[in-house]
Amino acid sequence: MGDPKLGLSAAVRLVRLADVAALCVPAELTDAHVARLRLVELAPQRWALGLADAKDEHRLRAPALISADGDVTLVGDGVEEELALLYLSRDADVFPHLVILPHRVSLVGDELVTAIVLATCENVRFDLGNERGFSYVALLLTGWAKVVEVARYRWDPYELTFMGPAIDKLPDPPGGKFELDLEASRRLEPVGGEIPAPSPAPEPVPAGNEWT
């Protein structure tokens, strides 16, 4: 897989052997499609095969993740796979490789980890933002006169989490709120925005039913 000439062929072969219907490896491979295929190493035991983005060399479309033992993982099903973008970090020790779907962000390294998930997703979607050379995950309001950034999630390389609001108001129009799924967001530290309601306290155990 590390050979620049043979690696691409090996990756395509592994996808075929895994019997996975990967969008980036259709049943009939044309020369034009092969010319768009790109294989990148994400970690010592993990590679990604996907379609190169003509506008940004740090993005792969419809990626399939391949492990050293030949396992192939798709990052989405159906339409999700078509929308999936793999953002290749310039320095994974500072900011991780990410798979960004409209309503979910995942970390990519030795494993695929769900980092941030929207619970309410009408009119908002995730994307990658950049300010003065520093990357972050942006939550964007779409479907109106212009796209508006409504929240930022910044990566803490020491705590290995994103920091940003779990709940906050949306501007008018359309008004309302967005909310993240805190249980599914495994790499989120809520900061700013509105404070989520506390989880209900567990029901007390009736007397006489305690474990002994």
N, C-alpha and C. Protein backbone atom coordinates (compact mmCIF):
# COMPACT_ATOMS: atom_id res chain seq x y z
N MET A 1 0.83 -1.22 0.00
CA MET A 1 0.00 0.00 0.00
C MET A 1 0.86 1.26 0.00
N GLY A 2 2.09 1.15 0.47
CA GLY A 2 2.94 2.32 0.53
C GLY A 2 3.59 2.67 -0.79
N ASP A 3 3.55 1.78 -1.75
CA ASP A 3 4.16 2.04 -3.05
C ASP A 3 3.25 2.97 -3.86
N PRO A 4 3.79 4.11 -4.34
CA PRO A 4 2.94 5.08 -5.03
C PRO A 4 2.31 4.54 -6.31
N LYS A 5 2.95 3.56 -6.96
CA LYS A 5 2.40 3.02 -8.20
C LYS A 5 1.49 1.82 -7.95
N LEU A 6 1.92 0.92 -7.07
CA LEU A 6 1.17 -0.30 -6.83
C LEU A 6 0.10 -0.14 -5.75
N GLY A 7 0.25 0.87 -4.90
CA GLY A 7 -0.67 1.03 -3.78
C GLY A 7 -2.11 1.23 -4.23
N LEU A 8 -2.31 2.04 -5.26
CA LEU A 8 -3.67 2.32 -5.73
C LEU A 8 -4.34 1.04 -6.25
N SER A 9 -3.60 0.27 -7.02
CA SER A 9 -4.14 -1.00 -7.52
C SER A 9 -4.45 -1.96 -6.38
N ALA A 10 -3.57 -1.99 -5.37
CA ALA A 10 -3.78 -2.86 -4.22
C ALA A 10 -5.03 -2.44 -3.45
N ALA A 11 -5.23 -1.12 -3.30
CA ALA A 11 -6.40 -0.62 -2.57
C ALA A 11 -7.69 -0.98 -3.30
N VAL A 12 -7.71 -0.81 -4.60
CA VAL A 12 -8.90 -1.17 -5.39
C VAL A 12 -9.18 -2.66 -5.25
N ARG A 13 -8.12 -3.45 -5.30
CA ARG A 13 -8.26 -4.90 -5.16
C ARG A 13 -8.84 -5.28 -3.80
N LEU A 14 -8.39 -4.61 -2.73
CA LEU A 14 -8.90 -4.90 -1.39
C LEU A 14 -10.38 -4.55 -1.28
N VAL A 15 -10.78 -3.44 -1.88
CA VAL A 15 -12.20 -3.06 -1.86
C VAL A 15 -13.03 -4.12 -2.58
N ARG A 16 -12.53 -4.60 -3.70
CA ARG A 16 -13.24 -5.64 -4.45
C ARG A 16 -13.34 -6.93 -3.62
N LEU A 17 -12.23 -7.34 -2.99
CA LEU A 17 -12.22 -8.57 -2.20
C LEU A 17 -13.14 -8.47 -0.99
N ALA A 18 -13.27 -7.25 -0.44
CA ALA A 18 -14.14 -7.07 0.74
C ALA A 18 -15.62 -7.11 0.36
N ASP A 19 -15.90 -7.13 -0.94
CA ASP A 19 -17.28 -7.18 -1.43
C ASP A 19 -18.09 -6.01 -0.87
N VAL A 20 -17.47 -4.83 -0.92
CA VAL A 20 -18.11 -3.61 -0.42
C VAL A 20 -18.47 -2.73 -1.62
N ALA A 21 -19.69 -2.26 -1.63
CA ALA A 21 -20.15 -1.41 -2.73
C ALA A 21 -19.71 0.03 -2.49
N ALA A 22 -18.42 0.28 -2.68
CA ALA A 22 -17.86 1.61 -2.44
C ALA A 22 -18.11 2.50 -3.66
N LEU A 23 -18.60 3.69 -3.41
CA LEU A 23 -18.89 4.63 -4.50
C LEU A 23 -17.63 4.99 -5.28
N CYS A 24 -16.50 5.01 -4.61
CA CYS A 24 -15.26 5.40 -5.28
C CYS A 24 -14.69 4.29 -6.16
N VAL A 25 -15.22 3.06 -6.01
CA VAL A 25 -14.75 1.93 -6.83
C VAL A 25 -15.97 1.28 -7.48
N PRO A 26 -16.50 1.87 -8.55
CA PRO A 26 -17.66 1.28 -9.22
C PRO A 26 -17.31 -0.03 -9.90
N ALA A 27 -18.34 -0.75 -10.32
CA ALA A 27 -18.13 -2.05 -10.97
C ALA A 27 -17.29 -1.91 -12.23
N GLU A 28 -17.54 -0.85 -13.00
CA GLU A 28 -16.78 -0.60 -14.22
C GLU A 28 -15.88 0.62 -14.00
N LEU A 29 -14.59 0.39 -13.98
CA LEU A 29 -13.63 1.47 -13.78
C LEU A 29 -13.15 2.00 -15.14
N THR A 30 -13.42 3.27 -15.40
CA THR A 30 -12.93 3.89 -16.63
C THR A 30 -11.59 4.57 -16.35
N ASP A 31 -10.87 4.90 -17.42
CA ASP A 31 -9.59 5.60 -17.26
C ASP A 31 -9.80 6.95 -16.58
N ALA A 32 -10.89 7.63 -16.92
CA ALA A 32 -11.17 8.94 -16.31
C ALA A 32 -11.42 8.80 -14.82
N HIS A 33 -12.12 7.72 -14.41
CA HIS A 33 -12.40 7.52 -12.99
C HIS A 33 -11.11 7.18 -12.24
N VAL A 34 -10.31 6.30 -12.82
CA VAL A 34 -9.04 5.92 -12.18
C VAL A 34 -8.14 7.14 -12.00
N ALA A 35 -8.19 8.06 -12.96
CA ALA A 35 -7.36 9.27 -12.88
C ALA A 35 -7.76 10.13 -11.68
N ARG A 36 -9.00 10.01 -11.21
CA ARG A 36 -9.47 10.80 -10.06
C ARG A 36 -9.21 10.09 -8.74
N LEU A 37 -8.94 8.79 -8.77
CA LEU A 37 -8.72 8.04 -7.54
C LEU A 37 -7.42 8.46 -6.87
N ARG A 38 -7.48 8.53 -5.53
CA ARG A 38 -6.29 8.89 -4.76
C ARG A 38 -6.24 8.05 -3.50
N LEU A 39 -5.06 7.57 -3.16
CA LEU A 39 -4.85 6.79 -1.95
C LEU A 39 -3.93 7.58 -1.02
N VAL A 40 -4.36 7.75 0.24
CA VAL A 40 -3.54 8.50 1.20
C VAL A 40 -3.41 7.70 2.48
N GLU A 41 -2.27 7.83 3.14
CA GLU A 41 -2.05 7.19 4.43
C GLU A 41 -2.49 8.15 5.53
N LEU A 42 -3.38 7.66 6.40
CA LEU A 42 -3.91 8.47 7.50
C LEU A 42 -3.21 8.17 8.82
N ALA A 43 -2.78 6.93 8.99
CA ALA A 43 -2.11 6.46 10.20
C ALA A 43 -1.29 5.25 9.79
N PRO A 44 -0.38 4.78 10.67
CA PRO A 44 0.46 3.65 10.30
C PRO A 44 -0.31 2.41 9.84
N GLN A 45 -1.54 2.23 10.31
CA GLN A 45 -2.33 1.05 9.95
C GLN A 45 -3.63 1.41 9.24
N ARG A 46 -3.71 2.59 8.65
CA ARG A 46 -4.98 3.04 8.05
C ARG A 46 -4.71 3.90 6.82
N TRP A 47 -5.46 3.59 5.73
CA TRP A 47 -5.40 4.37 4.50
C TRP A 47 -6.82 4.77 4.10
N ALA A 48 -6.89 5.75 3.21
CA ALA A 48 -8.18 6.15 2.64
C ALA A 48 -8.06 6.17 1.13
N LEU A 49 -9.06 5.60 0.49
CA LEU A 49 -9.17 5.64 -0.97
C LEU A 49 -10.40 6.46 -1.30
N GLY A 50 -10.25 7.43 -2.19
CA GLY A 50 -11.39 8.28 -2.54
C GLY A 50 -11.14 9.02 -3.82
N LEU A 51 -12.06 9.91 -4.14
CA LEU A 51 -11.98 10.70 -5.36
C LEU A 51 -11.39 12.06 -5.04
N ALA A 52 -10.35 12.43 -5.76
CA ALA A 52 -9.68 13.71 -5.53
C ALA A 52 -10.63 14.86 -5.84
N ASP A 53 -10.53 15.91 -5.06
CA ASP A 53 -11.31 17.12 -5.27
C ASP A 53 -10.49 18.08 -6.14
N ALA A 54 -11.05 18.51 -7.25
CA ALA A 54 -10.31 19.34 -8.19
C ALA A 54 -9.94 20.70 -7.59
N LYS A 55 -10.68 21.15 -6.58
CA LYS A 55 -10.45 22.49 -6.02
C LYS A 55 -9.59 22.48 -4.76
N ASP A 56 -9.44 21.30 -4.13
CA ASP A 56 -8.72 21.27 -2.85
C ASP A 56 -8.03 19.92 -2.70
N GLU A 57 -6.71 19.92 -2.71
CA GLU A 57 -5.95 18.67 -2.60
C GLU A 57 -6.06 18.03 -1.23
N HIS A 58 -6.60 18.75 -0.25
CA HIS A 58 -6.74 18.22 1.09
C HIS A 58 -8.13 17.62 1.34
N ARG A 59 -8.89 17.39 0.26
CA ARG A 59 -10.21 16.79 0.41
C ARG A 59 -10.33 15.56 -0.49
N LEU A 60 -10.96 14.53 0.03
CA LEU A 60 -11.30 13.33 -0.74
C LEU A 60 -12.81 13.13 -0.65
N ARG A 61 -13.42 12.83 -1.78
CA ARG A 61 -14.86 12.60 -1.81
C ARG A 61 -15.15 11.10 -1.79
N ALA A 62 -16.29 10.74 -1.20
CA ALA A 62 -16.75 9.35 -1.12
C ALA A 62 -15.64 8.41 -0.67
N PRO A 63 -14.99 8.69 0.47
CA PRO A 63 -13.83 7.86 0.87
C PRO A 63 -14.22 6.49 1.40
N ALA A 64 -13.33 5.54 1.17
CA ALA A 64 -13.41 4.22 1.80
C ALA A 64 -12.15 4.06 2.64
N LEU A 65 -12.29 3.62 3.88
CA LEU A 65 -11.16 3.48 4.79
C LEU A 65 -10.68 2.03 4.76
N ILE A 66 -9.37 1.85 4.66
CA ILE A 66 -8.78 0.52 4.52
C ILE A 66 -7.75 0.32 5.63
N SER A 67 -7.87 -0.78 6.36
CA SER A 67 -6.93 -1.08 7.44
C SER A 67 -5.84 -2.02 6.94
N ALA A 68 -4.79 -2.18 7.73
CA ALA A 68 -3.65 -3.00 7.33
C ALA A 68 -4.03 -4.46 7.14
N ASP A 69 -5.08 -4.93 7.83
CA ASP A 69 -5.49 -6.32 7.69
C ASP A 69 -6.50 -6.53 6.57
N GLY A 70 -6.76 -5.46 5.79
CA GLY A 70 -7.63 -5.58 4.63
C GLY A 70 -9.09 -5.24 4.85
N ASP A 71 -9.47 -4.87 6.08
CA ASP A 71 -10.85 -4.46 6.33
C ASP A 71 -11.15 -3.14 5.62
N VAL A 72 -12.33 -3.05 5.03
CA VAL A 72 -12.75 -1.84 4.34
C VAL A 72 -13.99 -1.29 5.03
N THR A 73 -13.95 0.01 5.39
CA THR A 73 -15.06 0.65 6.08
C THR A 73 -15.56 1.82 5.25
N LEU A 74 -16.87 1.84 4.98
CA LEU A 74 -17.49 2.99 4.33
C LEU A 74 -17.94 3.97 5.40
N VAL A 75 -17.88 5.26 5.11
CA VAL A 75 -18.17 6.28 6.12
C VAL A 75 -19.63 6.71 6.11
N GLY A 76 -20.42 6.17 5.20
CA GLY A 76 -21.83 6.51 5.13
C GLY A 76 -22.56 5.54 4.23
N ASP A 77 -23.88 5.54 4.32
CA ASP A 77 -24.71 4.67 3.49
C ASP A 77 -25.50 5.51 2.49
N GLY A 78 -25.63 5.00 1.26
CA GLY A 78 -26.47 5.65 0.27
C GLY A 78 -26.05 7.08 -0.01
N VAL A 79 -27.01 8.00 0.16
CA VAL A 79 -26.74 9.42 -0.12
C VAL A 79 -25.64 9.95 0.79
N GLU A 80 -25.56 9.44 2.02
CA GLU A 80 -24.51 9.89 2.94
C GLU A 80 -23.13 9.71 2.32
N GLU A 81 -22.90 8.56 1.68
CA GLU A 81 -21.60 8.30 1.09
C GLU A 81 -21.28 9.31 -0.01
N GLU A 82 -22.31 9.69 -0.78
CA GLU A 82 -22.10 10.67 -1.84
C GLU A 82 -21.70 12.03 -1.27
N LEU A 83 -22.22 12.36 -0.09
CA LEU A 83 -21.97 13.67 0.52
C LEU A 83 -20.72 13.70 1.39
N ALA A 84 -20.17 12.53 1.70
CA ALA A 84 -19.05 12.45 2.64
C ALA A 84 -17.79 13.09 2.07
N LEU A 85 -17.13 13.88 2.89
CA LEU A 85 -15.86 14.50 2.54
C LEU A 85 -14.83 14.15 3.61
N LEU A 86 -13.69 13.67 3.18
CA LEU A 86 -12.57 13.43 4.08
C LEU A 86 -11.61 14.61 3.97
N TYR A 87 -11.42 15.31 5.08
CA TYR A 87 -10.48 16.42 5.12
C TYR A 87 -9.15 15.93 5.66
N LEU A 88 -8.12 16.07 4.85
CA LEU A 88 -6.79 15.58 5.21
C LEU A 88 -6.02 16.68 5.92
N SER A 89 -5.68 16.43 7.17
CA SER A 89 -4.98 17.43 7.97
C SER A 89 -3.53 17.57 7.49
N ARG A 90 -3.03 18.78 7.56
CA ARG A 90 -1.61 19.02 7.26
C ARG A 90 -0.73 18.49 8.39
N ASP A 91 -1.26 18.44 9.61
CA ASP A 91 -0.53 17.94 10.76
C ASP A 91 -1.54 17.31 11.72
N ALA A 92 -1.66 15.99 11.68
CA ALA A 92 -2.68 15.29 12.48
C ALA A 92 -2.43 15.38 13.98
N ASP A 93 -1.21 15.78 14.40
CA ASP A 93 -0.96 15.96 15.83
C ASP A 93 -1.57 17.26 16.34
N VAL A 94 -1.84 18.18 15.43
CA VAL A 94 -2.40 19.48 15.80
C VAL A 94 -3.91 19.52 15.55
N PHE A 95 -4.33 18.97 14.42
CA PHE A 95 -5.74 18.94 14.04
C PHE A 95 -5.98 17.62 13.31
N PRO A 96 -7.03 16.87 13.68
CA PRO A 96 -7.18 15.50 13.15
C PRO A 96 -7.71 15.46 11.72
N HIS A 97 -7.50 14.31 11.06
CA HIS A 97 -8.22 14.03 9.83
C HIS A 97 -9.69 13.87 10.19
N LEU A 98 -10.58 14.41 9.35
CA LEU A 98 -12.00 14.36 9.65
C LEU A 98 -12.80 13.87 8.46
N VAL A 99 -13.82 13.08 8.74
CA VAL A 99 -14.88 12.82 7.77
C VAL A 99 -16.07 13.69 8.17
N ILE A 100 -16.48 14.57 7.26
CA ILE A 100 -17.58 15.48 7.56
C ILE A 100 -18.77 15.16 6.66
N LEU A 101 -19.87 14.83 7.30
CA LEU A 101 -21.17 14.69 6.67
C LEU A 101 -22.01 15.89 7.10
N PRO A 102 -23.09 16.19 6.39
CA PRO A 102 -23.89 17.36 6.78
C PRO A 102 -24.29 17.39 8.25
N HIS A 103 -24.54 16.20 8.85
CA HIS A 103 -25.07 16.17 10.21
C HIS A 103 -24.20 15.39 11.18
N ARG A 104 -22.97 15.03 10.74
CA ARG A 104 -22.09 14.26 11.63
C ARG A 104 -20.63 14.51 11.26
N VAL A 105 -19.77 14.60 12.28
CA VAL A 105 -18.33 14.75 12.09
C VAL A 105 -17.64 13.59 12.81
N SER A 106 -16.71 12.93 12.11
CA SER A 106 -15.99 11.79 12.70
C SER A 106 -14.48 12.00 12.59
N LEU A 107 -13.75 11.54 13.60
CA LEU A 107 -12.29 11.54 13.57
C LEU A 107 -11.82 10.29 12.85
N VAL A 108 -10.75 10.44 12.08
CA VAL A 108 -10.19 9.29 11.36
C VAL A 108 -8.74 9.13 11.76
N GLY A 109 -8.42 7.97 12.32
CA GLY A 109 -7.05 7.61 12.68
C GLY A 109 -6.94 6.11 12.64
N ASP A 110 -6.49 5.51 13.73
CA ASP A 110 -6.47 4.06 13.81
C ASP A 110 -7.88 3.48 13.81
N GLU A 111 -8.86 4.30 14.18
CA GLU A 111 -10.26 3.91 14.12
C GLU A 111 -11.11 5.11 13.75
N LEU A 112 -12.37 4.86 13.40
CA LEU A 112 -13.31 5.92 13.05
C LEU A 112 -14.14 6.22 14.29
N VAL A 113 -14.07 7.46 14.78
CA VAL A 113 -14.74 7.85 16.02
C VAL A 113 -15.72 8.98 15.75
N THR A 114 -16.98 8.76 16.10
CA THR A 114 -17.99 9.81 15.96
C THR A 114 -17.70 10.92 16.96
N ALA A 115 -17.48 12.14 16.46
CA ALA A 115 -17.06 13.24 17.33
C ALA A 115 -18.21 14.19 17.67
N ILE A 116 -18.96 14.65 16.66
CA ILE A 116 -20.04 15.62 16.87
C ILE A 116 -21.22 15.19 16.01
N VAL A 117 -22.42 15.18 16.60
CA VAL A 117 -23.62 14.77 15.88
C VAL A 117 -24.75 15.76 16.17
N LEU A 118 -25.47 16.16 15.12
CA LEU A 118 -26.63 17.01 15.29
C LEU A 118 -27.84 16.19 15.71
N ALA A 119 -28.59 16.68 16.70
CA ALA A 119 -29.86 16.07 17.06
C ALA A 119 -30.98 16.70 16.23
N THR A 120 -30.92 18.01 16.05
CA THR A 120 -31.84 18.72 15.16
C THR A 120 -31.02 19.24 13.99
N CYS A 121 -31.45 18.93 12.77
CA CYS A 121 -30.58 19.23 11.63
C CYS A 121 -31.27 20.00 10.52
N GLU A 122 -32.43 20.55 10.76
CA GLU A 122 -33.11 21.31 9.72
C GLU A 122 -32.40 22.64 9.48
N ASN A 123 -32.03 22.90 8.24
CA ASN A 123 -31.41 24.16 7.81
C ASN A 123 -29.97 24.35 8.27
N VAL A 124 -29.36 23.38 8.93
CA VAL A 124 -27.97 23.54 9.35
C VAL A 124 -27.15 22.33 8.92
N ARG A 125 -25.86 22.55 8.72
CA ARG A 125 -24.96 21.46 8.33
C ARG A 125 -23.55 21.81 8.79
N PHE A 126 -22.71 20.76 8.92
CA PHE A 126 -21.32 20.95 9.29
C PHE A 126 -20.45 21.18 8.05
N ASP A 127 -19.36 21.89 8.25
CA ASP A 127 -18.35 22.07 7.22
C ASP A 127 -17.04 22.40 7.93
N LEU A 128 -15.96 22.44 7.16
CA LEU A 128 -14.68 22.82 7.74
C LEU A 128 -14.45 24.31 7.53
N GLY A 129 -14.06 25.00 8.61
CA GLY A 129 -13.73 26.41 8.52
C GLY A 129 -12.25 26.64 8.75
N ASN A 130 -11.79 27.80 8.37
CA ASN A 130 -10.38 28.14 8.56
C ASN A 130 -10.26 29.63 8.82
N GLU A 131 -9.53 29.97 9.86
CA GLU A 131 -9.29 31.37 10.19
C GLU A 131 -7.82 31.57 10.50
N ARG A 132 -7.16 32.37 9.69
CA ARG A 132 -5.73 32.68 9.85
C ARG A 132 -4.89 31.41 9.93
N GLY A 133 -5.26 30.43 9.10
CA GLY A 133 -4.48 29.20 9.04
C GLY A 133 -4.86 28.14 10.05
N PHE A 134 -5.84 28.42 10.92
CA PHE A 134 -6.27 27.45 11.93
C PHE A 134 -7.63 26.87 11.54
N SER A 135 -7.69 25.54 11.47
CA SER A 135 -8.92 24.86 11.08
C SER A 135 -9.85 24.66 12.26
N TYR A 136 -11.14 24.60 11.97
CA TYR A 136 -12.16 24.31 12.97
C TYR A 136 -13.37 23.74 12.24
N VAL A 137 -14.29 23.15 12.99
CA VAL A 137 -15.55 22.69 12.41
C VAL A 137 -16.57 23.80 12.55
N ALA A 138 -17.21 24.15 11.43
CA ALA A 138 -18.22 25.20 11.43
C ALA A 138 -19.61 24.58 11.28
N LEU A 139 -20.58 25.15 11.98
CA LEU A 139 -21.97 24.80 11.78
C LEU A 139 -22.60 25.94 10.99
N LEU A 140 -23.15 25.61 9.82
CA LEU A 140 -23.63 26.63 8.89
C LEU A 140 -25.15 26.57 8.77
N LEU A 141 -25.76 27.74 8.72
CA LEU A 141 -27.18 27.89 8.43
C LEU A 141 -27.32 28.06 6.92
N THR A 142 -28.12 27.22 6.28
CA THR A 142 -28.26 27.27 4.83
C THR A 142 -29.73 27.42 4.45
N GLY A 143 -29.96 27.61 3.15
CA GLY A 143 -31.33 27.66 2.64
C GLY A 143 -31.97 29.02 2.69
N TRP A 144 -31.19 30.06 3.02
CA TRP A 144 -31.74 31.41 3.06
C TRP A 144 -30.94 32.29 2.11
N ALA A 145 -30.97 33.58 2.28
CA ALA A 145 -30.33 34.48 1.32
C ALA A 145 -28.84 34.20 1.19
N LYS A 146 -28.21 33.84 2.29
CA LYS A 146 -26.78 33.50 2.26
C LYS A 146 -26.47 32.50 3.35
N VAL A 147 -25.35 31.81 3.18
CA VAL A 147 -24.91 30.85 4.19
C VAL A 147 -24.30 31.62 5.36
N VAL A 148 -24.71 31.27 6.57
CA VAL A 148 -24.25 31.99 7.77
C VAL A 148 -23.66 30.98 8.75
N GLU A 149 -22.49 31.28 9.28
CA GLU A 149 -21.89 30.44 10.32
C GLU A 149 -22.55 30.76 11.66
N VAL A 150 -23.10 29.72 12.30
CA VAL A 150 -23.82 29.95 13.56
C VAL A 150 -23.09 29.37 14.77
N ALA A 151 -22.06 28.55 14.55
CA ALA A 151 -21.29 28.01 15.68
C ALA A 151 -19.94 27.51 15.18
N ARG A 152 -18.97 27.53 16.09
CA ARG A 152 -17.64 27.01 15.80
C ARG A 152 -17.27 25.97 16.85
N TYR A 153 -16.59 24.91 16.37
CA TYR A 153 -16.11 23.84 17.25
C TYR A 153 -14.61 23.72 17.04
N ARG A 154 -13.86 24.16 18.05
CA ARG A 154 -12.41 24.20 17.96
C ARG A 154 -11.81 22.96 18.61
N TRP A 155 -10.77 22.43 18.00
CA TRP A 155 -10.12 21.20 18.46
C TRP A 155 -9.08 21.52 19.51
N ASP A 156 -9.15 20.80 20.63
CA ASP A 156 -8.14 20.89 21.68
C ASP A 156 -7.22 19.69 21.52
N PRO A 157 -5.99 19.88 21.04
CA PRO A 157 -5.10 18.74 20.79
C PRO A 157 -4.60 18.06 22.05
N TYR A 158 -4.80 18.69 23.20
CA TYR A 158 -4.36 18.08 24.47
C TYR A 158 -5.47 17.23 25.07
N GLU A 159 -6.70 17.73 25.03
CA GLU A 159 -7.84 16.98 25.55
C GLU A 159 -8.46 16.06 24.51
N LEU A 160 -8.07 16.25 23.23
CA LEU A 160 -8.58 15.45 22.11
C LEU A 160 -10.09 15.54 22.00
N THR A 161 -10.61 16.76 22.14
CA THR A 161 -12.05 17.01 22.02
C THR A 161 -12.28 18.30 21.25
N PHE A 162 -13.49 18.41 20.69
CA PHE A 162 -13.96 19.69 20.13
C PHE A 162 -14.67 20.45 21.23
N MET A 163 -14.55 21.76 21.19
CA MET A 163 -15.19 22.62 22.18
C MET A 163 -16.09 23.60 21.47
N GLY A 164 -17.38 23.62 21.87
CA GLY A 164 -18.34 24.51 21.25
C GLY A 164 -19.72 24.26 21.82
N PRO A 165 -20.71 25.06 21.39
CA PRO A 165 -22.05 24.98 21.99
C PRO A 165 -22.81 23.71 21.62
N ALA A 166 -23.53 23.17 22.60
CA ALA A 166 -24.40 22.02 22.37
C ALA A 166 -25.79 22.46 21.92
N ILE A 167 -26.22 23.62 22.39
CA ILE A 167 -27.53 24.19 22.03
C ILE A 167 -27.35 25.69 21.89
N ASP A 168 -27.98 26.28 20.86
CA ASP A 168 -27.95 27.74 20.75
C ASP A 168 -29.04 28.19 19.78
N LYS A 169 -29.32 29.47 19.83
CA LYS A 169 -30.36 30.04 18.97
C LYS A 169 -29.84 30.22 17.55
N LEU A 170 -30.77 30.15 16.60
CA LEU A 170 -30.49 30.46 15.21
C LEU A 170 -30.99 31.87 14.92
N PRO A 171 -30.33 32.59 14.02
CA PRO A 171 -30.78 33.95 13.70
C PRO A 171 -32.14 33.94 12.99
N ASP A 172 -32.82 35.08 13.03
CA ASP A 172 -34.08 35.24 12.28
C ASP A 172 -33.79 35.84 10.91
N PRO A 173 -34.41 35.32 9.83
CA PRO A 173 -35.07 34.02 9.82
C PRO A 173 -34.05 32.90 9.79
N PRO A 174 -34.35 31.68 10.14
CA PRO A 174 -35.69 31.12 10.45
C PRO A 174 -36.03 31.15 11.93
N GLY A 175 -35.07 31.54 12.79
CA GLY A 175 -35.31 31.45 14.22
C GLY A 175 -35.20 30.01 14.71
N GLY A 176 -35.61 29.80 15.94
CA GLY A 176 -35.51 28.47 16.52
C GLY A 176 -34.13 28.21 17.08
N LYS A 177 -33.79 26.94 17.25
CA LYS A 177 -32.52 26.54 17.85
C LYS A 177 -31.93 25.35 17.10
N PHE A 178 -30.63 25.18 17.26
CA PHE A 178 -30.02 23.91 16.88
C PHE A 178 -29.60 23.20 18.17
N GLU A 179 -29.48 21.88 18.08
CA GLU A 179 -29.08 21.10 19.25
C GLU A 179 -28.25 19.90 18.81
N LEU A 180 -27.19 19.63 19.57
CA LEU A 180 -26.36 18.46 19.30
C LEU A 180 -26.84 17.28 20.14
N ASP A 181 -26.55 16.08 19.62
CA ASP A 181 -26.82 14.85 20.36
C ASP A 181 -25.61 14.58 21.26
N LEU A 182 -25.75 14.93 22.53
CA LEU A 182 -24.61 14.83 23.45
C LEU A 182 -24.19 13.38 23.68
N GLU A 183 -25.13 12.47 23.69
CA GLU A 183 -24.79 11.07 23.93
C GLU A 183 -23.99 10.49 22.77
N ALA A 184 -24.33 10.89 21.54
CA ALA A 184 -23.63 10.37 20.36
C ALA A 184 -22.35 11.13 20.07
N SER A 185 -22.23 12.35 20.57
CA SER A 185 -21.05 13.19 20.30
C SER A 185 -19.94 12.82 21.27
N ARG A 186 -19.11 11.87 20.88
CA ARG A 186 -18.13 11.27 21.79
C ARG A 186 -16.90 12.15 22.02
N ARG A 187 -16.69 13.15 21.18
CA ARG A 187 -15.52 14.02 21.35
C ARG A 187 -15.94 15.48 21.38
N LEU A 188 -16.92 15.78 22.22
CA LEU A 188 -17.42 17.15 22.37
C LEU A 188 -17.39 17.55 23.82
N GLU A 189 -16.84 18.74 24.08
CA GLU A 189 -16.92 19.38 25.39
C GLU A 189 -17.79 20.61 25.22
N PRO A 190 -19.06 20.59 25.71
CA PRO A 190 -19.94 21.75 25.50
C PRO A 190 -19.37 23.02 26.14
N VAL A 191 -19.25 24.05 25.32
CA VAL A 191 -18.75 25.35 25.77
C VAL A 191 -19.57 26.43 25.09
N GLY A 192 -20.11 27.37 25.86
CA GLY A 192 -20.89 28.46 25.29
C GLY A 192 -22.30 28.01 24.95
N GLY A 193 -23.04 28.92 24.32
CA GLY A 193 -24.42 28.63 23.95
C GLY A 193 -25.31 28.49 25.16
N GLU A 194 -26.40 27.79 25.00
CA GLU A 194 -27.32 27.54 26.11
C GLU A 194 -26.90 26.28 26.85
N ILE A 195 -27.17 26.24 28.12
CA ILE A 195 -26.80 25.08 28.94
C ILE A 195 -27.87 24.00 28.76
N PRO A 196 -27.45 22.80 28.35
CA PRO A 196 -28.44 21.71 28.20
C PRO A 196 -29.13 21.39 29.52
N ALA A 197 -30.40 20.97 29.42
CA ALA A 197 -31.14 20.56 30.63
C ALA A 197 -30.48 19.33 31.22
N PRO A 198 -30.40 19.24 32.55
CA PRO A 198 -29.78 18.06 33.17
C PRO A 198 -30.59 16.81 32.90
N SER A 199 -29.90 15.69 32.85
CA SER A 199 -30.59 14.41 32.67
C SER A 199 -31.44 14.12 33.90
N PRO A 200 -32.61 13.50 33.71
CA PRO A 200 -33.45 13.20 34.87
C PRO A 200 -32.75 12.24 35.83
N ALA A 201 -32.96 12.47 37.11
CA ALA A 201 -32.35 11.61 38.12
C ALA A 201 -32.94 10.21 38.03
N PRO A 202 -32.14 9.17 38.28
CA PRO A 202 -32.68 7.80 38.24
C PRO A 202 -33.74 7.58 39.31
N GLU A 203 -34.68 6.72 38.97
CA GLU A 203 -35.74 6.40 39.93
C GLU A 203 -35.15 5.67 41.13
N PRO A 204 -35.58 6.02 42.34
CA PRO A 204 -35.06 5.31 43.53
C PRO A 204 -35.50 3.85 43.53
N VAL A 205 -34.63 3.00 44.04
CA VAL A 205 -34.95 1.57 44.14
C VAL A 205 -35.91 1.35 45.31
N PRO A 206 -37.04 0.70 45.07
CA PRO A 206 -37.99 0.46 46.19
C PRO A 206 -37.33 -0.34 47.32
N ALA A 207 -37.70 -0.02 48.52
CA ALA A 207 -37.15 -0.71 49.71
C ALA A 207 -37.42 -2.21 49.60
N GLY A 208 -36.41 -2.97 49.94
CA GLY A 208 -36.56 -4.43 49.93
C GLY A 208 -36.13 -5.06 48.63
N ASN A 209 -35.83 -4.23 47.59
CA ASN A 209 -35.42 -4.78 46.30
C ASN A 209 -33.96 -4.57 46.02
N GLU A 210 -33.21 -4.11 47.02
CA GLU A 210 -31.79 -3.85 46.81
C GLU A 210 -31.05 -5.18 46.64
N TRP A 211 -29.97 -5.10 45.86
CA TRP A 211 -29.10 -6.27 45.74
C TRP A 211 -28.30 -6.45 47.04
N THR A 212 -28.13 -7.66 47.44
CA THR A 212 -27.36 -7.94 48.66
C THR A 212 -26.23 -8.86 48.32
